[in-house]
């Protein structure tokens, strides 16, 4: 009797548990859906194209060889060296810096950590567009800044070194008769240089694709550098700001007017414009081929490279100049008197 009762109670308990489990499975809410994947940073195509144009000019101008053999080679090199529009070049350097910054995972993750919601992203983007220096306070900005500084400084140093070699060749080739011949059509050459200086550069298609993939995090550029401490140059700050807007989803075509204004940096702009002015003045008075080589090396290359280095925030290179020593009256008195042999 007792065992029969126990069996009955056990069966009833099992049935009740089964019923409760069934009811629970019917009323329990479904598990929440997985969070949406984080959107990749997107730079507008126009900024990628500016970065590509910057890379095209710097790479080609830095490859100018100082081994000139005739006037035609000099003329070709001058055309390469002068072929940049100042505003486009500096905007391109800023855009390229933004692409480099987007290759820093710590910076991208840091910016995303502040923008968990659409409203938060909108607010941070507003603060950055109002004052690009706001980006310096975001997590990861120091590591991204280190990469941007290294990338621009390396470009400038390589370009400057190439310019020094070309400038030196202006002295070396003076021993060759062809270098002393007058440049043909000097006025036309100057007008052509001014025309090329107002013509926007078009970047290489393969380079544009590479930069686009790098900005999206698909293919890194391979720039390596330690984090850098503030203060940063205005160009570096603007590169970081544009990269942050891309991460937040606000570096869009709709905001291009504001972004274009952010890319204007008066100090660097003045530097690059002065380089062009000195170049034109040099070409205007240059007569033989070797003087054109000097104008190319000093003003089209070295001066422009200084501006890129300045944009990175690194110290500009210093080239010592020969300054004749002025003898004092005491020194002159110690020298033996030599009677002039010139006929009177």
Foldseek 3Di string as FASTA:
>chain_A
DVVVVVVVVVVVVVVVVVVVVVVCVVPPDDDDDDDDDQAFFAADLVLLFLLQLLCVLLVVLLPLDLPDDALVSLLVNLLSLLQAALLSNLSNLLSNLLLQLLLDPFLLVQLVVQPVDLVSLVVLLVVCLVPLLSSVPTTPLQASLFLSLQVLQVSLVSLLVSLVSLLVSLVVCVVPVNQQAWDPPLVVSLVSSVVSNNDHGGGDPVSSVQSRCSLRNNHPPPRDGGGHDDDWALSSSLSSSLSSCSSSVNSDPVCVVSNSVSSDDPVLSVQLVVLSVQLSVQSVPDTGSSSSSNSSSVRSGNSNSQSSNVSSVHDGDDDDDDDDDDDDPVRVVPDDDDDDPDDD
